[in-house]
Protein backbone atom coordinates (compact mmCIF):
# COMPACT_ATOMS: atom_id res chain seq x y z
CA UNK A 1 18.58 -4.06 7.59
CA UNK A 2 21.13 -3.57 10.42
CA UNK A 3 22.95 -6.72 9.27
CA UNK A 4 23.35 -5.41 5.74
CA UNK A 5 24.53 -2.01 6.92
CA UNK A 6 27.04 -3.49 9.33
CA UNK A 7 28.40 -5.80 6.67
CA UNK A 8 29.10 -3.12 4.12
CA UNK A 9 30.53 -0.73 6.71
CA UNK A 10 32.87 -3.45 7.91
CA UNK A 11 33.90 -4.14 4.33
CA UNK A 12 34.58 -0.45 3.84
CA UNK A 13 36.59 -0.03 7.05
CA UNK A 14 38.64 -3.20 6.92
CA UNK A 15 38.99 -3.78 3.20
CA UNK A 16 36.54 -6.65 3.23
CA UNK A 17 39.22 -9.29 3.76
CA UNK A 18 36.97 -11.26 6.11
CA UNK A 19 34.23 -11.34 3.48
CA UNK A 20 36.43 -12.84 0.76
CA UNK A 21 37.29 -16.10 2.52
CA UNK A 22 35.13 -18.06 0.08
CA UNK A 23 37.28 -18.00 -3.02
CA UNK A 24 35.02 -19.56 -5.61
CA UNK A 25 32.25 -17.14 -6.50
CA UNK A 26 29.61 -17.59 -9.16
CA UNK A 27 30.28 -14.10 -10.52
CA UNK A 28 32.96 -11.57 -9.62
CA UNK A 29 32.86 -7.90 -10.57
CA UNK A 30 36.31 -6.41 -10.42
CA UNK A 31 37.61 -2.85 -9.96
CA UNK A 32 34.22 -1.12 -10.15
CA UNK A 33 33.10 1.98 -8.30
CA UNK A 34 30.69 0.42 -5.83
CA UNK A 35 27.91 2.81 -4.83
CA UNK A 36 25.34 1.95 -2.18
CA UNK A 37 22.66 4.63 -1.68
CA UNK A 38 21.47 3.40 1.71
CA UNK A 39 24.86 3.78 3.41
CA UNK A 40 26.41 6.25 0.93
CA UNK A 41 29.31 3.83 0.51
CA UNK A 42 31.31 4.90 -2.56
CA UNK A 43 34.66 3.26 -3.30
CA UNK A 44 36.45 1.02 -5.77
CA UNK A 45 35.95 -2.57 -4.69
CA UNK A 46 35.62 -6.11 -5.99
CA UNK A 47 32.20 -7.76 -5.63
CA UNK A 48 31.58 -11.48 -5.28
CA UNK A 49 28.22 -13.15 -5.90
CA UNK A 50 27.12 -16.59 -4.64
CA UNK A 51 23.68 -18.17 -5.04
CA UNK A 52 22.03 -14.97 -6.16
CA UNK A 53 23.31 -12.92 -3.23
CA UNK A 54 26.13 -10.43 -2.81
CA UNK A 55 28.68 -12.35 -0.74
CA UNK A 56 31.73 -10.07 -0.80
CA UNK A 57 32.64 -6.42 -1.24
CA UNK A 58 36.36 -6.34 -0.86
CA UNK A 59 39.77 -5.02 -1.84
CA UNK A 60 41.05 -8.60 -1.92
CA UNK A 61 41.74 -10.41 -5.17
CA UNK A 62 38.80 -12.74 -5.80
CA UNK A 63 37.95 -15.17 -8.56
CA UNK A 64 34.79 -16.76 -9.85
CA UNK A 65 33.22 -18.79 -12.60
CA UNK A 66 32.34 -15.60 -14.48
CA UNK A 67 34.33 -12.37 -14.34
CA UNK A 68 33.30 -8.83 -15.23
CA UNK A 69 35.94 -6.12 -15.46
CA UNK A 70 34.15 -3.00 -14.22
CA UNK A 71 37.15 -0.68 -14.36
CA UNK A 72 35.89 2.87 -14.85
CA UNK A 73 32.28 1.77 -14.35
CA UNK A 74 29.79 2.26 -11.53
CA UNK A 75 28.45 -0.84 -9.82
CA UNK A 76 25.06 0.09 -8.41
CA UNK A 77 21.95 -1.64 -7.14
CA UNK A 78 19.70 -2.72 -9.99
CA UNK A 79 17.16 -0.06 -10.82
CA UNK A 80 13.65 -0.62 -9.49
CA UNK A 81 10.61 0.67 -11.35
CA UNK A 82 7.11 0.40 -9.95
CA UNK A 83 5.38 1.90 -12.95
CA UNK A 84 5.87 -0.41 -15.90
CA UNK A 85 3.02 -1.51 -18.15
CA UNK A 86 5.29 -3.78 -20.21
CA UNK A 87 6.73 -5.99 -17.49
CA UNK A 88 4.67 -8.93 -18.78
CA UNK A 89 5.82 -8.53 -22.42
CA UNK A 90 9.12 -10.06 -23.65
CA UNK A 91 10.07 -6.96 -25.67
CA UNK A 92 9.20 -4.77 -22.71
CA UNK A 93 11.48 -6.75 -20.42
CA UNK A 94 14.27 -6.56 -22.97
CA UNK A 95 13.84 -2.78 -23.16
CA UNK A 96 13.93 -2.12 -19.43
CA UNK A 97 16.95 -4.38 -18.96
CA UNK A 98 18.86 -2.26 -21.47
CA UNK A 99 17.84 0.70 -19.28
CA UNK A 100 19.31 -0.92 -16.15
CA UNK A 101 16.04 -2.08 -14.56
CA UNK A 102 16.16 -5.38 -12.66
CA UNK A 103 12.75 -5.21 -10.92
CA UNK A 104 9.72 -3.95 -12.84
CA UNK A 105 6.22 -3.73 -11.39
CA UNK A 106 2.85 -2.53 -12.62
CA UNK A 107 1.52 -0.69 -9.60
CA UNK A 108 -0.56 2.02 -11.30
CA UNK A 109 -3.05 0.02 -13.36
CA UNK A 110 -2.15 -3.29 -11.77
CA UNK A 111 -3.24 -6.83 -12.53
CA UNK A 112 -6.41 -8.89 -12.30
CA UNK A 113 -6.89 -11.72 -11.63
CA UNK A 114 -3.71 -11.45 -9.60
CA UNK A 115 -2.84 -15.16 -9.47
CA UNK A 116 -3.49 -15.45 -13.22
CA UNK A 117 -1.05 -12.60 -13.93
CA UNK A 118 1.71 -14.02 -11.71
CA UNK A 119 1.25 -17.56 -13.01
CA UNK A 120 1.64 -16.34 -16.61
CA UNK A 121 5.13 -15.05 -15.82
CA UNK A 122 6.37 -17.87 -13.61
CA UNK A 123 9.62 -19.30 -14.95
CA UNK A 124 9.72 -17.09 -18.05
CA UNK A 125 10.64 -13.65 -16.78
CA UNK A 126 13.98 -11.98 -17.39
CA UNK A 127 13.35 -9.37 -14.66
CA UNK A 128 11.83 -9.52 -11.20
CA UNK A 129 8.13 -8.81 -11.57
CA UNK A 130 5.19 -7.70 -9.46
CA UNK A 131 1.84 -5.93 -9.56
CA UNK A 132 -0.84 -4.28 -7.52
CA UNK A 133 -4.45 -5.36 -7.85
CA UNK A 134 -6.12 -3.25 -10.51
CA UNK A 135 -9.13 -1.26 -9.34
CA UNK A 136 -10.04 -0.44 -12.95
CA UNK A 137 -10.21 -4.14 -13.79
CA UNK A 138 -12.29 -4.77 -10.66
CA UNK A 139 -14.78 -2.13 -11.78
CA UNK A 140 -14.82 -3.67 -15.25
CA UNK A 141 -15.68 -7.10 -13.86
CA UNK A 142 -18.53 -5.73 -11.74
CA UNK A 143 -20.03 -3.69 -14.58
CA UNK A 144 -19.29 -6.27 -17.30
CA UNK A 145 -19.52 -9.73 -15.71
CA UNK A 146 -18.48 -11.48 -18.94
CA UNK A 147 -15.12 -9.62 -18.96
CA UNK A 148 -12.45 -12.23 -19.69
CA UNK A 149 -8.90 -10.84 -19.32
CA UNK A 150 -6.32 -11.98 -21.84
CA UNK A 151 -3.35 -12.08 -19.48
CA UNK A 152 -4.40 -10.09 -16.43
CA UNK A 153 -3.32 -6.72 -17.87
CA UNK A 154 -6.25 -4.45 -18.76
CA UNK A 155 -4.01 -2.14 -20.83
CA UNK A 156 -3.06 -5.10 -23.00
CA UNK A 157 -6.74 -5.90 -23.29
CA UNK A 158 -7.51 -2.35 -24.45
CA UNK A 159 -4.73 -2.49 -27.06
CA UNK A 160 -5.62 -5.95 -28.37
CA UNK A 161 -9.36 -5.58 -28.74
CA UNK A 162 -10.54 -7.61 -25.75
CA UNK A 163 -14.07 -6.34 -24.97
CA UNK A 164 -13.70 -4.04 -22.00
CA UNK A 165 -16.40 -1.44 -22.58
CA UNK A 166 -16.39 2.05 -21.07
CA UNK A 167 -18.48 1.61 -17.92
CA UNK A 168 -15.31 1.04 -15.86
CA UNK A 169 -14.40 4.65 -16.67
CA UNK A 170 -17.72 6.49 -16.74
CA UNK A 171 -20.22 4.63 -14.56
CA UNK A 172 -20.87 5.62 -10.95
CA UNK A 173 -21.15 2.51 -8.81
CA UNK A 174 -24.13 1.94 -6.55
CA UNK A 175 -23.50 1.06 -2.92
CA UNK A 176 -23.92 -2.62 -3.73
CA UNK A 177 -21.59 -2.41 -6.74
CA UNK A 178 -19.03 -0.53 -4.68
CA UNK A 179 -18.94 -3.37 -2.19
CA UNK A 180 -18.49 -5.89 -5.00
CA UNK A 181 -15.54 -3.84 -6.30
CA UNK A 182 -14.00 -3.75 -2.83
CA UNK A 183 -14.47 -7.52 -2.48
CA UNK A 184 -12.61 -8.15 -5.76
CA UNK A 185 -9.79 -5.82 -4.71
CA UNK A 186 -9.52 -7.49 -1.31
CA UNK A 187 -9.34 -10.89 -2.98
CA UNK A 188 -6.41 -9.53 -5.02
CA UNK A 189 -4.62 -8.41 -1.87
CA UNK A 190 -5.13 -11.85 -0.35
CA UNK A 191 -3.71 -13.35 -3.58
CA UNK A 192 -0.44 -11.52 -2.96
CA UNK A 193 -0.88 -8.23 -4.80
CA UNK A 194 1.62 -5.65 -3.62
CA UNK A 195 -0.89 -2.82 -3.26
CA UNK A 196 -3.89 -1.29 -5.01
CA UNK A 197 -3.86 0.57 -8.33
CA UNK A 198 -6.78 3.01 -8.72
CA UNK A 199 -6.15 4.99 -11.96
CA UNK A 200 -8.56 7.80 -11.04
CA UNK A 201 -7.34 9.99 -13.90
CA UNK A 202 -9.07 7.64 -16.34
CA UNK A 203 -12.27 7.48 -14.30
CA UNK A 204 -12.88 11.15 -13.57
CA UNK A 205 -16.64 10.97 -14.07
CA UNK A 206 -17.20 7.45 -12.77
CA UNK A 207 -15.00 6.95 -9.73
CA UNK A 208 -16.33 8.36 -6.47
CA UNK A 209 -14.26 9.64 -3.59
CA UNK A 210 -15.99 6.96 -1.51
CA UNK A 211 -14.20 4.36 -3.62
CA UNK A 212 -10.85 6.10 -3.20
CA UNK A 213 -11.39 6.13 0.57
CA UNK A 214 -12.43 2.49 0.47
CA UNK A 215 -9.31 1.46 -1.47
CA UNK A 216 -7.08 3.26 1.01
CA UNK A 217 -8.85 1.63 3.96
CA UNK A 218 -8.16 -1.76 2.38
CA UNK A 219 -4.52 -0.80 1.81
CA UNK A 220 -4.25 0.16 5.48
CA UNK A 221 -6.00 -3.02 6.63
CA UNK A 222 -3.36 -5.14 4.88
CA UNK A 223 -0.40 -2.83 5.58
CA UNK A 224 -0.07 -1.95 1.89
CA UNK A 225 -0.30 1.14 -0.30
CA UNK A 226 -2.14 2.68 -3.23
CA UNK A 227 -0.41 3.85 -6.41
CA UNK A 228 -2.64 6.60 -7.74
CA UNK A 229 -2.90 8.33 -11.09
CA UNK A 230 -4.83 11.20 -9.53
CA UNK A 231 -8.13 12.47 -10.83
CA UNK A 232 -7.19 15.84 -12.34
CA UNK A 233 -4.39 16.93 -14.67
CA UNK A 234 -4.95 20.61 -14.11
CA UNK A 235 -3.33 23.82 -12.94
CA UNK A 236 -6.64 25.72 -12.81
CA UNK A 237 -9.52 25.82 -10.33
CA UNK A 238 -11.85 24.27 -9.48
CA UNK A 239 -10.34 20.94 -10.58
CA UNK A 240 -6.69 21.50 -9.74
CA UNK A 241 -4.08 18.79 -9.30
CA UNK A 242 -3.62 19.81 -5.67
CA UNK A 243 -7.27 19.01 -4.99
CA UNK A 244 -6.76 15.60 -6.56
CA UNK A 245 -3.59 15.00 -4.53
CA UNK A 246 -5.55 15.80 -1.38
CA UNK A 247 -8.27 13.34 -2.42
CA UNK A 248 -5.67 10.56 -2.71
CA UNK A 249 -3.59 11.45 0.35
CA UNK A 250 -6.14 12.46 2.98
CA UNK A 251 -7.57 8.92 3.38
CA UNK A 252 -4.04 7.74 4.22
CA UNK A 253 -3.81 10.45 6.89
CA UNK A 254 -7.14 9.25 8.30
CA UNK A 255 -6.79 5.48 7.98
CA UNK A 256 -3.13 4.66 7.26
CA UNK A 257 -1.38 2.85 4.46
CA UNK A 258 0.99 4.36 1.93
CA UNK A 259 0.37 6.39 -1.21
CA UNK A 260 2.48 6.80 -4.33
CA UNK A 261 1.37 9.70 -6.54
CA UNK A 262 2.13 8.64 -10.10
CA UNK A 263 3.93 10.87 -12.65
CA UNK A 264 3.01 13.87 -10.54
CA UNK A 265 4.33 16.65 -12.79
CA UNK A 266 1.97 15.49 -15.55
CA UNK A 267 -0.84 16.36 -13.14
CA UNK A 268 0.62 19.30 -11.19
CA UNK A 269 2.01 21.20 -14.19
CA UNK A 270 2.61 24.81 -13.03
CA UNK A 271 1.71 23.73 -9.47
CA UNK A 272 4.75 21.46 -9.21
CA UNK A 273 6.52 23.53 -6.53
CA UNK A 274 3.37 23.71 -4.44
CA UNK A 275 2.80 19.97 -4.81
CA UNK A 276 6.31 19.12 -3.62
CA UNK A 277 5.98 21.38 -0.56
CA UNK A 278 2.56 19.96 0.30
CA UNK A 279 3.70 16.34 0.10
CA UNK A 280 6.90 17.09 2.04
CA UNK A 281 4.79 18.58 4.84
CA UNK A 282 2.42 15.61 4.92
CA UNK A 283 5.31 13.16 4.98
CA UNK A 284 7.02 15.10 7.78
CA UNK A 285 3.98 14.41 9.94
CA UNK A 286 4.35 10.67 9.46
CA UNK A 287 2.10 9.75 6.54
CA UNK A 288 3.69 7.35 4.07
CA UNK A 289 3.27 9.35 0.87
CA UNK A 290 5.76 9.83 -1.94
CA UNK A 291 5.81 11.38 -5.40
CA UNK A 292 6.89 9.66 -8.61
CA UNK A 293 7.94 11.23 -11.93
CA UNK A 294 9.14 10.26 -15.39
CA UNK A 295 11.85 12.50 -16.94
CA UNK A 296 9.76 13.71 -19.90
CA UNK A 297 7.30 16.54 -20.39
CA UNK A 298 4.98 14.45 -22.53
CA UNK A 299 2.99 11.34 -21.76
CA UNK A 300 1.12 8.46 -23.38
CA UNK A 301 -2.62 8.03 -22.88
CA UNK A 302 -3.37 4.71 -21.20
CA UNK A 303 -6.73 4.21 -22.87
CA UNK A 304 -5.94 6.23 -25.97
CA UNK A 305 -7.23 9.50 -27.33
CA UNK A 306 -10.45 9.28 -25.30
CA UNK A 307 -8.57 9.63 -21.99
CA UNK A 308 -10.54 11.95 -19.71
CA UNK A 309 -7.74 14.49 -19.35
CA UNK A 310 -7.48 14.96 -23.15
CA UNK A 311 -11.02 16.28 -23.38
CA UNK A 312 -10.64 19.82 -24.79
CA UNK A 313 -12.39 21.34 -21.77
CA UNK A 314 -9.56 20.02 -19.63
CA UNK A 315 -6.59 19.72 -21.98
CA UNK A 316 -6.91 23.22 -23.36
CA UNK A 317 -8.41 25.13 -20.44
CA UNK A 318 -6.84 23.39 -17.43
CA UNK A 319 -3.57 22.15 -18.92
CA UNK A 320 -2.92 25.07 -21.25
CA UNK A 321 -2.37 22.88 -24.29
CA UNK A 322 -3.90 22.61 -27.77
CA UNK A 323 -4.94 19.92 -30.26
CA UNK A 324 -1.49 20.18 -31.87
CA UNK A 325 0.12 19.05 -28.61
CA UNK A 326 -1.48 15.61 -29.07
CA UNK A 327 0.52 13.28 -31.35
CA UNK A 328 -0.67 10.17 -33.15
CA UNK A 329 1.65 7.44 -31.90
CA UNK A 330 1.29 5.45 -35.11
CA UNK A 331 2.02 8.22 -37.62
CA UNK A 332 3.98 10.64 -35.44
CA UNK A 333 1.79 13.47 -36.69
CA UNK A 334 0.18 16.10 -34.43
CA UNK A 335 -3.59 16.28 -34.39
CA UNK A 336 -5.89 19.19 -35.12
CA UNK A 337 -9.52 19.74 -34.16
CA UNK A 338 -10.89 17.75 -37.10
CA UNK A 339 -8.55 14.77 -36.73
CA UNK A 340 -9.05 14.71 -32.94
CA UNK A 341 -12.82 14.61 -33.26
CA UNK A 342 -12.69 11.96 -35.99
CA UNK A 343 -10.36 9.81 -33.91
CA UNK A 344 -12.62 10.11 -30.86
CA UNK A 345 -15.57 8.96 -32.96
CA UNK A 346 -13.93 6.21 -35.02
CA UNK A 347 -11.17 4.85 -32.77
CA UNK A 348 -11.47 6.10 -29.16
CA UNK A 349 -8.65 3.86 -27.92
CA UNK A 350 -6.20 5.02 -30.62
CA UNK A 351 -2.72 5.42 -29.03
CA UNK A 352 -1.51 9.00 -28.69
CA UNK A 353 1.28 10.92 -27.02
CA UNK A 354 0.57 14.31 -25.50
CA UNK A 355 2.52 17.18 -23.97
CA UNK A 356 1.73 17.95 -20.34
CA UNK A 357 4.12 19.84 -18.02
CA UNK A 358 6.67 22.35 -19.21
CA UNK A 359 10.26 21.17 -19.43
CA UNK A 360 11.11 23.42 -16.48
CA UNK A 361 8.46 21.93 -14.21
CA UNK A 362 9.37 18.38 -15.22
CA UNK A 363 13.02 19.03 -14.34
CA UNK A 364 11.96 20.43 -10.95
CA UNK A 365 10.25 17.13 -10.25
CA UNK A 366 13.22 15.04 -11.32
CA UNK A 367 15.60 17.24 -9.32
CA UNK A 368 13.83 16.71 -6.01
CA UNK A 369 15.86 14.05 -4.14
CA UNK A 370 12.72 12.67 -2.47
CA UNK A 371 10.85 11.93 -5.72
CA UNK A 372 10.93 8.42 -7.18
CA UNK A 373 11.58 7.64 -10.84
CA UNK A 374 8.88 5.61 -12.59
CA UNK A 375 9.06 5.09 -16.34
CA UNK A 376 5.34 4.52 -16.93
CA UNK A 377 6.69 2.19 -19.61
CA UNK A 378 4.16 1.86 -22.40
CA UNK A 379 3.30 -0.89 -24.91
CA UNK A 380 5.00 -1.12 -28.31
CA UNK A 381 2.93 -0.83 -31.48
CA UNK A 382 3.47 -1.60 -35.16
CA UNK A 383 3.72 1.74 -37.02
CA UNK A 384 1.85 0.31 -40.01
CA UNK A 385 -1.04 -1.46 -38.32
CA UNK A 386 -1.15 0.06 -34.84
CA UNK A 387 -1.29 -3.42 -33.35
CA UNK A 388 0.54 -4.18 -30.13
CA UNK A 389 3.96 -5.83 -30.52
CA UNK A 390 5.49 -8.00 -27.80
CA UNK A 391 7.96 -10.37 -29.54
CA UNK A 392 11.45 -10.34 -28.02
CA UNK A 393 13.27 -10.34 -31.39
CA UNK A 394 11.48 -7.27 -32.78
CA UNK A 395 13.96 -4.68 -34.16
CA UNK A 396 13.98 -1.49 -32.11
CA UNK A 397 13.41 0.72 -35.15
CA UNK A 398 10.39 -1.30 -36.26
CA UNK A 399 8.07 -0.30 -33.41
CA UNK A 400 6.64 2.82 -31.82
CA UNK A 401 6.28 3.58 -28.14
CA UNK A 402 6.79 6.40 -25.71
CA UNK A 403 10.53 7.13 -25.41
CA UNK A 404 10.30 6.70 -21.63
CA UNK A 405 9.71 2.97 -22.16
CA UNK A 406 13.30 2.46 -23.25
CA UNK A 407 15.19 5.45 -21.89
CA UNK A 408 13.88 6.81 -18.58
CA UNK A 409 16.69 5.67 -16.27
CA UNK A 410 19.56 6.35 -18.61
CA UNK A 411 18.05 9.78 -19.20
CA UNK A 412 18.16 10.51 -15.48
CA UNK A 413 21.84 9.55 -15.51
CA UNK A 414 22.44 11.83 -18.50
CA UNK A 415 20.52 14.75 -17.01
CA UNK A 416 22.54 14.35 -13.81
CA UNK A 417 25.83 14.28 -15.71
CA UNK A 418 24.87 17.31 -17.80
CA UNK A 419 23.77 19.25 -14.68
CA UNK A 420 20.27 19.63 -16.11
CA UNK A 421 18.96 18.45 -12.74
CA UNK A 422 20.26 19.29 -9.29
CA UNK A 423 21.27 15.80 -8.21
CA UNK A 424 24.45 14.04 -7.22
CA UNK A 425 25.11 10.70 -8.88
CA UNK A 426 24.38 8.96 -5.57
CA UNK A 427 21.03 10.74 -5.32
CA UNK A 428 20.14 9.78 -8.87
CA UNK A 429 20.92 6.12 -8.15
CA UNK A 430 18.96 6.27 -4.90
CA UNK A 431 15.83 7.63 -6.63
CA UNK A 432 15.97 4.74 -9.07
CA UNK A 433 16.72 1.93 -6.62
CA UNK A 434 16.94 2.22 -2.85
CA UNK A 435 14.16 4.75 -2.29
CA UNK A 436 11.62 2.72 -4.26
CA UNK A 437 12.69 -0.42 -2.39
CA UNK A 438 12.51 1.34 0.97
CA UNK A 439 9.01 2.72 0.37
CA UNK A 440 7.70 -0.69 -0.66
CA UNK A 441 9.49 -2.37 2.25
CA UNK A 442 7.88 0.08 4.67
CA UNK A 443 4.48 -0.60 3.13
CA UNK A 444 4.17 -4.33 3.27
CA UNK A 445 6.57 -5.71 0.64
CA UNK A 446 9.15 -7.48 2.81
CA UNK A 447 11.18 -8.81 -0.15
CA UNK A 448 12.31 -5.28 -0.91
CA UNK A 449 14.48 -5.23 2.22
CA UNK A 450 17.06 -7.10 0.12
CA UNK A 451 16.78 -5.01 -3.03
CA UNK A 452 17.93 -1.52 -3.93
CA UNK A 453 21.15 -1.99 -1.95
CA UNK A 454 24.70 -2.84 -2.94
CA UNK A 455 25.57 -4.63 0.29
CA UNK A 456 26.70 -8.03 1.54
CA UNK A 457 23.59 -10.15 1.97
CA UNK A 458 21.50 -8.19 -0.51
CA UNK A 459 20.02 -9.77 -3.61
CA UNK A 460 22.51 -9.64 -6.48
CA UNK A 461 20.38 -7.38 -8.65
CA UNK A 462 23.16 -5.21 -10.02
CA UNK A 463 23.40 -2.56 -12.72
CA UNK A 464 26.84 -1.66 -14.08
CA UNK A 465 27.04 1.55 -16.08
CA UNK A 466 29.51 4.05 -17.44
CA UNK A 467 28.83 7.38 -15.67
CA UNK A 468 30.49 9.27 -18.54
CA UNK A 469 28.42 7.78 -21.37
CA UNK A 470 25.20 6.23 -20.07
CA UNK A 471 22.44 7.86 -22.10
CA UNK A 472 19.03 7.56 -23.70
CA UNK A 473 18.52 7.61 -27.47
CA UNK A 474 14.75 7.50 -27.81
CA UNK A 475 13.03 10.50 -29.38
CA UNK A 476 9.66 11.44 -30.84
CA UNK A 477 10.93 10.76 -34.35
CA UNK A 478 9.50 7.73 -36.14
CA UNK A 479 11.94 4.85 -36.04
CA UNK A 480 13.77 6.42 -33.09
CA UNK A 481 11.34 6.39 -30.19
CA UNK A 482 12.12 2.80 -29.23
CA UNK A 483 15.92 3.01 -29.54
CA UNK A 484 17.42 1.50 -26.37
CA UNK A 485 19.74 3.10 -23.86
CA UNK A 486 23.49 2.65 -24.08
CA UNK A 487 26.34 2.90 -21.60
CA UNK A 488 24.87 0.16 -19.36
CA UNK A 489 26.94 -2.84 -20.45
CA UNK A 490 26.10 -5.30 -17.68
CA UNK A 491 23.02 -6.14 -15.65
CA UNK A 492 22.62 -9.00 -13.17
CA UNK A 493 19.26 -10.28 -11.95
CA UNK A 494 19.45 -12.53 -8.87
CA UNK A 495 23.12 -13.13 -9.58
CA UNK A 496 22.67 -14.11 -13.22
CA UNK A 497 24.30 -11.97 -15.88
CA UNK A 498 21.38 -11.09 -18.14
CA UNK A 499 22.89 -8.13 -20.01
CA UNK A 500 26.40 -8.75 -21.27
CA UNK A 501 28.30 -6.30 -23.44
CA UNK A 502 25.06 -4.27 -23.75
CA UNK A 503 23.22 -7.26 -25.21
CA UNK A 504 20.30 -8.90 -23.44
CA UNK A 505 20.78 -12.65 -23.38
CA UNK A 506 17.90 -14.53 -24.95
CA UNK A 507 16.00 -17.31 -23.16
CA UNK A 508 17.62 -16.60 -19.81
CA UNK A 509 14.98 -16.21 -17.11
CA UNK A 510 16.37 -15.32 -13.68
CA UNK A 511 13.45 -13.06 -12.76
CA UNK A 512 11.54 -13.91 -9.60
CA UNK A 513 8.10 -12.79 -8.42
CA UNK A 514 7.86 -9.86 -6.06
CA UNK A 515 4.70 -10.88 -4.28
CA UNK A 516 3.18 -10.77 -0.85
CA UNK A 517 2.15 -13.90 1.01
CA UNK A 518 -1.00 -15.55 -0.26
CA UNK A 519 -3.76 -15.56 2.36
CA UNK A 520 -6.84 -17.74 2.66
């Protein structure tokens, strides 16, 4: 990265005249406020792009085949999100592009089979895409040998009726079965998976700590990381979030490898301050651990209303919530005891939203400059049938989802502008781009050395937004929770303009795989 840093510093000090010798760029971005979170470079410059790379950052007049006037706009690295469950759906890609995301990965639940998942997206992705290997899917295959994934995404399988069963969540593996699970996960790492996704929060009664240790040992063996939805969403003993954080992090202290703690405020709740201090202390001693958060105080249950943490013994006692804090995604109506129990019996995978942390604790998490932003982008459903919707042309007001799917990054920009969080604009950009890239780079994903930066030589993944107007519009109201972000008029993926005038261009597929080397 020294080359990239030197290049942008030279451009800053000397006006970039040397970098503008090539006069015929593919794309030029003129008069924008260029912000690079790695070097803290922040100045009005012209940017030239050639062959998918940033080739010039200069005060010189430059021309190209395509010109964007970015006067009054910020030119930032494309946003990077490691927690997207819709990266393999056309409508999902369209949504995250409107939110400024250029690289979307499913690291929490992950993919399996890994090569199957990547092959399905080859040549038809509008964003850069990647995945971990899914530990939940590996458990499913061991416990249900006839499991036949639809597209390598177990969440899609759950929402589309592919037989998955419940053993993956509730069954305790024998020693022999544990080894089979590890073998499947290791095969996924050899197939190029970025890390390992063990969603322990959905396997509270089935997943053993031995498995969590085993996953982390594999991550360390291959120089990778785990992305963990931790076991407990709780602010009460004996099953507190801090205990679950320790369960995920301590194996990394012992064996190595990195750890991302997913949507941590949804687990830590009133323990958010304590969680931040604990993780800061662990990181200061050299362990590669980092927290991730979405800017909402309500979530979406990955396997529906039967999610372990929504059991009344946990949701009411340990999270301090009630039945009425759970919302039917299809109807938008809150549940009560009778409707909850009926739903559990008749449709245990029914999609629901649920309140978790307080607004205050969520904002504390977003405000911390060391915490990553991950949307936990969730599938879209038809409000009449409840069926999953993926078609690119679907009207935004015709589907339901969690608002974070379409608005997480623009919301961070809005919260920063409105002083609802204690962040500078540069810090907000960094949390959504460079810091995610840097963590992945430091934990085995070499491609990320060229992403998350606005520097000469970096990949031309670029998000251009209006700092005065960029905002989210998605709410919990029916017909409004999939409304896309605005104030982000241009997005480039690998040097191709994919969002133009706030419209995503159809049938343009510049996205490339983010994938580790395939090993024999």
